[in-house]
All heavy atoms as atom14 arrays in JSON, in Angstrom:
{
  "sequence": "DGSLQGIEVDLAKSVAEALGVKFEPVVITSANRI",
  "atom14_mask": [
    [1, 1, 1, 1, 1, 1, 1, 1, 0, 0, 0, 0, 0, 0],
    [1, 1, 1, 1, 0, 0, 0, 0, 0, 0, 0, 0, 0, 0],
    [1, 1, 1, 1, 1, 1, 0, 0, 0, 0, 0, 0, 0, 0],
    [1, 1, 1, 1, 1, 1, 1, 1, 0, 0, 0, 0, 0, 0],
    [1, 1, 1, 1, 1, 1, 1, 1, 1, 0, 0, 0, 0, 0],
    [1, 1, 1, 1, 0, 0, 0, 0, 0, 0, 0, 0, 0, 0],
    [1, 1, 1, 1, 1, 1, 1, 1, 0, 0, 0, 0, 0, 0],
    [1, 1, 1, 1, 1, 1, 1, 1, 1, 0, 0, 0, 0, 0],
    [1, 1, 1, 1, 1, 1, 1, 0, 0, 0, 0, 0, 0, 0],
    [1, 1, 1, 1, 1, 1, 1, 1, 0, 0, 0, 0, 0, 0],
    [1, 1, 1, 1, 1, 1, 1, 1, 0, 0, 0, 0, 0, 0],
    [1, 1, 1, 1, 1, 0, 0, 0, 0, 0, 0, 0, 0, 0],
    [1, 1, 1, 1, 1, 1, 1, 1, 1, 0, 0, 0, 0, 0],
    [1, 1, 1, 1, 1, 1, 0, 0, 0, 0, 0, 0, 0, 0],
    [1, 1, 1, 1, 1, 1, 1, 0, 0, 0, 0, 0, 0, 0],
    [1, 1, 1, 1, 1, 0, 0, 0, 0, 0, 0, 0, 0, 0],
    [1, 1, 1, 1, 1, 1, 1, 1, 1, 0, 0, 0, 0, 0],
    [1, 1, 1, 1, 1, 0, 0, 0, 0, 0, 0, 0, 0, 0],
    [1, 1, 1, 1, 1, 1, 1, 1, 0, 0, 0, 0, 0, 0],
    [1, 1, 1, 1, 0, 0, 0, 0, 0, 0, 0, 0, 0, 0],
    [1, 1, 1, 1, 1, 1, 1, 0, 0, 0, 0, 0, 0, 0],
    [1, 1, 1, 1, 1, 1, 1, 1, 1, 0, 0, 0, 0, 0],
    [1, 1, 1, 1, 1, 1, 1, 1, 1, 1, 1, 0, 0, 0],
    [1, 1, 1, 1, 1, 1, 1, 1, 1, 0, 0, 0, 0, 0],
    [1, 1, 1, 1, 1, 1, 1, 0, 0, 0, 0, 0, 0, 0],
    [1, 1, 1, 1, 1, 1, 1, 0, 0, 0, 0, 0, 0, 0],
    [1, 1, 1, 1, 1, 1, 1, 0, 0, 0, 0, 0, 0, 0],
    [1, 1, 1, 1, 1, 1, 1, 1, 0, 0, 0, 0, 0, 0],
    [1, 1, 1, 1, 1, 1, 1, 0, 0, 0, 0, 0, 0, 0],
    [1, 1, 1, 1, 1, 1, 0, 0, 0, 0, 0, 0, 0, 0],
    [1, 1, 1, 1, 1, 0, 0, 0, 0, 0, 0, 0, 0, 0],
    [1, 1, 1, 1, 1, 1, 1, 1, 0, 0, 0, 0, 0, 0],
    [1, 1, 1, 1, 1, 1, 1, 1, 1, 1, 1, 0, 0, 0],
    [1, 1, 1, 1, 1, 1, 1, 1, 0, 0, 0, 0, 0, 0]
  ],
  "atom14_positions": [
    [[-17.86, 73.08, 9.69], [-18.26, 72.38, 10.91], [-19.08, 73.25, 11.86], [-19.44, 72.83, 12.96], [-17.04, 71.81, 11.64], [-16.1, 72.9, 12.13], [-16.38, 74.1, 11.9], [-15.07, 72.55, 12.75], [0.0, 0.0, 0.0], [0.0, 0.0, 0.0], [0.0, 0.0, 0.0], [0.0, 0.0, 0.0], [0.0, 0.0, 0.0], [0.0, 0.0, 0.0]],
    [[-19.38, 74.49, 11.43], [-20.18, 75.38, 12.25], [-19.38, 76.31, 13.14], [-19.93, 77.27, 13.7], [0.0, 0.0, 0.0], [0.0, 0.0, 0.0], [0.0, 0.0, 0.0], [0.0, 0.0, 0.0], [0.0, 0.0, 0.0], [0.0, 0.0, 0.0], [0.0, 0.0, 0.0], [0.0, 0.0, 0.0], [0.0, 0.0, 0.0], [0.0, 0.0, 0.0]],
    [[-18.08, 76.05, 13.3], [-17.24, 76.94, 14.1], [-16.94, 78.2, 13.3], [-17.16, 78.26, 12.08], [-15.94, 76.24, 14.48], [-15.18, 75.95, 13.31], [0.0, 0.0, 0.0], [0.0, 0.0, 0.0], [0.0, 0.0, 0.0], [0.0, 0.0, 0.0], [0.0, 0.0, 0.0], [0.0, 0.0, 0.0], [0.0, 0.0, 0.0], [0.0, 0.0, 0.0]],
    [[-16.44, 79.22, 13.99], [-16.11, 80.48, 13.3], [-14.66, 80.48, 12.86], [-13.78, 79.92, 13.52], [-16.38, 81.66, 14.23], [-17.85, 81.97, 14.51], [-17.98, 83.02, 15.6], [-18.58, 82.42, 13.25], [0.0, 0.0, 0.0], [0.0, 0.0, 0.0], [0.0, 0.0, 0.0], [0.0, 0.0, 0.0], [0.0, 0.0, 0.0], [0.0, 0.0, 0.0]],
    [[-14.4, 81.12, 11.74], [-13.06, 81.22, 11.2], [-12.87, 82.59, 10.59], [-13.83, 83.35, 10.42], [-12.84, 80.15, 10.14], [-13.78, 80.28, 8.94], [-13.57, 79.2, 7.89], [-12.56, 78.54, 7.86], [-14.56, 79.03, 7.02], [0.0, 0.0, 0.0], [0.0, 0.0, 0.0], [0.0, 0.0, 0.0], [0.0, 0.0, 0.0], [0.0, 0.0, 0.0]],
    [[-11.64, 82.94, 10.25], [-11.37, 84.21, 9.6], [-10.29, 85.02, 10.3], [-9.73, 84.61, 11.32], [0.0, 0.0, 0.0], [0.0, 0.0, 0.0], [0.0, 0.0, 0.0], [0.0, 0.0, 0.0], [0.0, 0.0, 0.0], [0.0, 0.0, 0.0], [0.0, 0.0, 0.0], [0.0, 0.0, 0.0], [0.0, 0.0, 0.0], [0.0, 0.0, 0.0]],
    [[-9.98, 86.17, 9.74], [-8.89, 87.02, 10.23], [-9.12, 87.44, 11.68], [-8.22, 87.31, 12.53], [-8.74, 88.25, 9.33], [-8.25, 87.84, 7.93], [-7.77, 89.27, 9.95], [-8.34, 88.95, 6.9], [0.0, 0.0, 0.0], [0.0, 0.0, 0.0], [0.0, 0.0, 0.0], [0.0, 0.0, 0.0], [0.0, 0.0, 0.0], [0.0, 0.0, 0.0]],
    [[-10.3, 87.96, 11.98], [-10.56, 88.44, 13.33], [-10.68, 87.3, 14.33], [-10.33, 87.46, 15.5], [-11.81, 89.32, 13.33], [-11.58, 90.64, 12.59], [-12.79, 91.53, 12.53], [-13.92, 91.02, 12.55], [-12.61, 92.75, 12.42], [0.0, 0.0, 0.0], [0.0, 0.0, 0.0], [0.0, 0.0, 0.0], [0.0, 0.0, 0.0], [0.0, 0.0, 0.0]],
    [[-11.11, 86.15, 13.88], [-11.14, 84.97, 14.74], [-9.71, 84.54, 15.08], [-9.41, 84.2, 16.23], [-11.91, 83.82, 14.07], [-11.84, 82.55, 14.92], [-13.37, 84.22, 13.85], [0.0, 0.0, 0.0], [0.0, 0.0, 0.0], [0.0, 0.0, 0.0], [0.0, 0.0, 0.0], [0.0, 0.0, 0.0], [0.0, 0.0, 0.0], [0.0, 0.0, 0.0]],
    [[-8.83, 84.58, 14.09], [-7.42, 84.26, 14.35], [-6.79, 85.24, 15.34], [-6.01, 84.85, 16.21], [-6.63, 84.26, 13.04], [-6.92, 83.05, 12.17], [-7.5, 82.06, 12.69], [-6.59, 83.08, 10.97], [0.0, 0.0, 0.0], [0.0, 0.0, 0.0], [0.0, 0.0, 0.0], [0.0, 0.0, 0.0], [0.0, 0.0, 0.0], [0.0, 0.0, 0.0]],
    [[-7.13, 86.52, 15.21], [-6.63, 87.52, 16.16], [-7.17, 87.24, 17.56], [-6.43, 87.32, 18.56], [-7.03, 88.92, 15.72], [-6.37, 89.45, 14.44], [-6.95, 90.82, 14.09], [-4.87, 89.53, 14.59], [0.0, 0.0, 0.0], [0.0, 0.0, 0.0], [0.0, 0.0, 0.0], [0.0, 0.0, 0.0], [0.0, 0.0, 0.0], [0.0, 0.0, 0.0]],
    [[-8.45, 86.9, 17.65], [-9.06, 86.58, 18.94], [-8.39, 85.37, 19.57], [-8.12, 85.35, 20.78], [-10.56, 86.34, 18.76], [0.0, 0.0, 0.0], [0.0, 0.0, 0.0], [0.0, 0.0, 0.0], [0.0, 0.0, 0.0], [0.0, 0.0, 0.0], [0.0, 0.0, 0.0], [0.0, 0.0, 0.0], [0.0, 0.0, 0.0], [0.0, 0.0, 0.0]],
    [[-8.11, 84.37, 18.77], [-7.45, 83.17, 19.29], [-6.05, 83.49, 19.8], [-5.59, 82.91, 20.79], [-7.37, 82.1, 18.19], [-8.71, 81.45, 17.87], [-8.57, 80.42, 16.76], [-9.9, 79.72, 16.47], [-9.78, 78.75, 15.34], [0.0, 0.0, 0.0], [0.0, 0.0, 0.0], [0.0, 0.0, 0.0], [0.0, 0.0, 0.0], [0.0, 0.0, 0.0]],
    [[-5.37, 84.44, 19.14], [-4.03, 84.82, 19.6], [-4.08, 85.5, 20.96], [-3.15, 85.37, 21.76], [-3.35, 85.73, 18.57], [-3.87, 87.05, 18.6], [0.0, 0.0, 0.0], [0.0, 0.0, 0.0], [0.0, 0.0, 0.0], [0.0, 0.0, 0.0], [0.0, 0.0, 0.0], [0.0, 0.0, 0.0], [0.0, 0.0, 0.0], [0.0, 0.0, 0.0]],
    [[-5.18, 86.21, 21.24], [-5.36, 86.84, 22.56], [-5.51, 85.76, 23.62], [-4.86, 85.79, 24.67], [-6.59, 87.77, 22.56], [-6.87, 88.28, 23.97], [-6.36, 88.95, 21.61], [0.0, 0.0, 0.0], [0.0, 0.0, 0.0], [0.0, 0.0, 0.0], [0.0, 0.0, 0.0], [0.0, 0.0, 0.0], [0.0, 0.0, 0.0], [0.0, 0.0, 0.0]],
    [[-6.38, 84.78, 23.35], [-6.61, 83.7, 24.31], [-5.34, 82.9, 24.55], [-5.02, 82.54, 25.69], [-7.72, 82.78, 23.79], [0.0, 0.0, 0.0], [0.0, 0.0, 0.0], [0.0, 0.0, 0.0], [0.0, 0.0, 0.0], [0.0, 0.0, 0.0], [0.0, 0.0, 0.0], [0.0, 0.0, 0.0], [0.0, 0.0, 0.0], [0.0, 0.0, 0.0]],
    [[-4.59, 82.65, 23.47], [-3.35, 81.88, 23.6], [-2.34, 82.64, 24.46], [-1.67, 82.05, 25.31], [-2.77, 81.61, 22.21], [-1.5, 80.78, 22.24], [-0.95, 80.5, 20.85], [-1.62, 80.86, 19.86], [0.15, 79.93, 20.76], [0.0, 0.0, 0.0], [0.0, 0.0, 0.0], [0.0, 0.0, 0.0], [0.0, 0.0, 0.0], [0.0, 0.0, 0.0]],
    [[-2.22, 83.95, 24.24], [-1.28, 84.75, 25.03], [-1.67, 84.78, 26.51], [-0.81, 84.85, 27.38], [-1.22, 86.17, 24.47], [0.0, 0.0, 0.0], [0.0, 0.0, 0.0], [0.0, 0.0, 0.0], [0.0, 0.0, 0.0], [0.0, 0.0, 0.0], [0.0, 0.0, 0.0], [0.0, 0.0, 0.0], [0.0, 0.0, 0.0], [0.0, 0.0, 0.0]],
    [[-2.96, 84.73, 26.78], [-3.45, 84.73, 28.16], [-3.38, 83.36, 28.81], [-3.43, 83.24, 30.04], [-4.91, 85.21, 28.2], [-5.18, 86.69, 27.92], [-6.66, 86.92, 27.7], [-4.67, 87.55, 29.07], [0.0, 0.0, 0.0], [0.0, 0.0, 0.0], [0.0, 0.0, 0.0], [0.0, 0.0, 0.0], [0.0, 0.0, 0.0], [0.0, 0.0, 0.0]],
    [[-3.3, 82.32, 27.98], [-3.33, 80.96, 28.5], [-4.71, 80.52, 28.95], [-4.87, 79.72, 29.87], [0.0, 0.0, 0.0], [0.0, 0.0, 0.0], [0.0, 0.0, 0.0], [0.0, 0.0, 0.0], [0.0, 0.0, 0.0], [0.0, 0.0, 0.0], [0.0, 0.0, 0.0], [0.0, 0.0, 0.0], [0.0, 0.0, 0.0], [0.0, 0.0, 0.0]],
    [[-5.75, 81.06, 28.26], [-7.13, 80.73, 28.6], [-7.87, 80.24, 27.35], [-7.35, 80.3, 26.24], [-7.88, 81.93, 29.21], [-7.2, 82.4, 30.49], [-7.99, 83.08, 28.2], [0.0, 0.0, 0.0], [0.0, 0.0, 0.0], [0.0, 0.0, 0.0], [0.0, 0.0, 0.0], [0.0, 0.0, 0.0], [0.0, 0.0, 0.0], [0.0, 0.0, 0.0]],
    [[-9.1, 79.79, 27.54], [-9.93, 79.32, 26.43], [-10.55, 80.51, 25.69], [-10.95, 81.49, 26.3], [-11.04, 78.43, 26.98], [-12.0, 77.88, 25.93], [-13.1, 77.06, 26.59], [-14.12, 76.57, 25.56], [-15.23, 75.81, 26.2], [0.0, 0.0, 0.0], [0.0, 0.0, 0.0], [0.0, 0.0, 0.0], [0.0, 0.0, 0.0], [0.0, 0.0, 0.0]],
    [[-10.61, 80.39, 24.37], [-11.27, 81.4, 23.54], [-12.75, 81.09, 23.48], [-13.15, 80.01, 23.05], [-10.66, 81.41, 22.14], [-11.46, 82.16, 21.1], [-11.97, 83.42, 21.36], [-11.7, 81.6, 19.86], [-12.71, 84.11, 20.41], [-12.43, 82.27, 18.89], [-12.95, 83.52, 19.17], [0.0, 0.0, 0.0], [0.0, 0.0, 0.0], [0.0, 0.0, 0.0]],
    [[-13.57, 82.04, 23.89], [-15.02, 81.88, 23.87], [-15.61, 82.91, 22.9], [-15.82, 84.06, 23.26], [-15.59, 82.09, 25.27], [-17.07, 81.78, 25.39], [-17.59, 81.96, 26.81], [-16.79, 81.84, 27.76], [-18.81, 82.22, 26.95], [0.0, 0.0, 0.0], [0.0, 0.0, 0.0], [0.0, 0.0, 0.0], [0.0, 0.0, 0.0], [0.0, 0.0, 0.0]],
    [[-15.87, 82.52, 21.65], [-16.42, 83.48, 20.69], [-17.88, 83.81, 20.99], [-18.66, 82.94, 21.36], [-16.3, 82.75, 19.35], [-16.33, 81.3, 19.71], [-15.68, 81.18, 21.05], [0.0, 0.0, 0.0], [0.0, 0.0, 0.0], [0.0, 0.0, 0.0], [0.0, 0.0, 0.0], [0.0, 0.0, 0.0], [0.0, 0.0, 0.0], [0.0, 0.0, 0.0]],
    [[-18.22, 85.06, 20.86], [-19.6, 85.52, 21.03], [-19.98, 86.31, 19.78], [-19.31, 87.3, 19.46], [-19.76, 86.4, 22.28], [-21.21, 86.87, 22.41], [-19.31, 85.66, 23.53], [0.0, 0.0, 0.0], [0.0, 0.0, 0.0], [0.0, 0.0, 0.0], [0.0, 0.0, 0.0], [0.0, 0.0, 0.0], [0.0, 0.0, 0.0], [0.0, 0.0, 0.0]],
    [[-21.0, 85.87, 19.08], [-21.4, 86.57, 17.85], [-22.08, 87.89, 18.2], [-23.04, 87.92, 18.98], [-22.35, 85.69, 17.01], [-22.87, 86.47, 15.8], [-21.62, 84.43, 16.54], [0.0, 0.0, 0.0], [0.0, 0.0, 0.0], [0.0, 0.0, 0.0], [0.0, 0.0, 0.0], [0.0, 0.0, 0.0], [0.0, 0.0, 0.0], [0.0, 0.0, 0.0]],
    [[-21.55, 88.96, 17.62], [-22.11, 90.29, 17.84], [-22.55, 90.87, 16.48], [-22.22, 90.33, 15.43], [-21.1, 91.24, 18.52], [-19.73, 91.2, 17.82], [-20.91, 90.83, 19.97], [-19.49, 92.18, 16.78], [0.0, 0.0, 0.0], [0.0, 0.0, 0.0], [0.0, 0.0, 0.0], [0.0, 0.0, 0.0], [0.0, 0.0, 0.0], [0.0, 0.0, 0.0]],
    [[-23.28, 91.96, 16.52], [-23.65, 92.68, 15.31], [-23.19, 94.13, 15.46], [-22.85, 94.57, 16.56], [-25.17, 92.66, 15.06], [-25.82, 93.43, 16.09], [-25.71, 91.25, 15.05], [0.0, 0.0, 0.0], [0.0, 0.0, 0.0], [0.0, 0.0, 0.0], [0.0, 0.0, 0.0], [0.0, 0.0, 0.0], [0.0, 0.0, 0.0], [0.0, 0.0, 0.0]],
    [[-23.22, 94.87, 14.37], [-22.86, 96.29, 14.44], [-23.8, 97.05, 15.37], [-23.4, 98.04, 15.99], [-22.91, 96.9, 13.03], [-22.0, 96.26, 12.18], [0.0, 0.0, 0.0], [0.0, 0.0, 0.0], [0.0, 0.0, 0.0], [0.0, 0.0, 0.0], [0.0, 0.0, 0.0], [0.0, 0.0, 0.0], [0.0, 0.0, 0.0], [0.0, 0.0, 0.0]],
    [[-25.03, 96.57, 15.5], [-26.03, 97.27, 16.31], [-25.88, 97.01, 17.8], [-26.22, 97.87, 18.62], [-27.43, 96.88, 15.85], [0.0, 0.0, 0.0], [0.0, 0.0, 0.0], [0.0, 0.0, 0.0], [0.0, 0.0, 0.0], [0.0, 0.0, 0.0], [0.0, 0.0, 0.0], [0.0, 0.0, 0.0], [0.0, 0.0, 0.0], [0.0, 0.0, 0.0]],
    [[-25.38, 95.83, 18.19], [-25.39, 95.5, 19.62], [-24.01, 95.36, 20.26], [-23.91, 95.14, 21.47], [-26.19, 94.22, 19.86], [-25.51, 92.96, 19.32], [-24.34, 92.96, 18.96], [-26.26, 91.87, 19.27], [0.0, 0.0, 0.0], [0.0, 0.0, 0.0], [0.0, 0.0, 0.0], [0.0, 0.0, 0.0], [0.0, 0.0, 0.0], [0.0, 0.0, 0.0]],
    [[-22.94, 95.45, 19.49], [-21.61, 95.13, 20.04], [-21.19, 96.05, 21.19], [-20.62, 95.59, 22.19], [-20.56, 95.17, 18.92], [-20.45, 96.48, 18.18], [-19.65, 96.36, 16.91], [-19.75, 97.59, 16.13], [-19.39, 97.68, 14.85], [-18.87, 96.63, 14.22], [-19.51, 98.82, 14.21], [0.0, 0.0, 0.0], [0.0, 0.0, 0.0], [0.0, 0.0, 0.0]],
    [[-21.45, 97.35, 21.07], [-21.05, 98.29, 22.13], [-21.85, 98.02, 23.4], [-21.29, 97.99, 24.51], [-21.21, 99.74, 21.66], [-20.16, 100.05, 20.58], [-21.1, 100.71, 22.83], [-20.26, 101.44, 20.0], [0.0, 0.0, 0.0], [0.0, 0.0, 0.0], [0.0, 0.0, 0.0], [0.0, 0.0, 0.0], [0.0, 0.0, 0.0], [0.0, 0.0, 0.0]]
  ]
}
């Protein structure tokens, strides 16, 4: 459906859930993430 999935996405969702906020994924690359 175009959404992101996977191990790190699940970890990210767990952070948002623990905070009680919405998860907003942002696609990064190895070159620009820092």
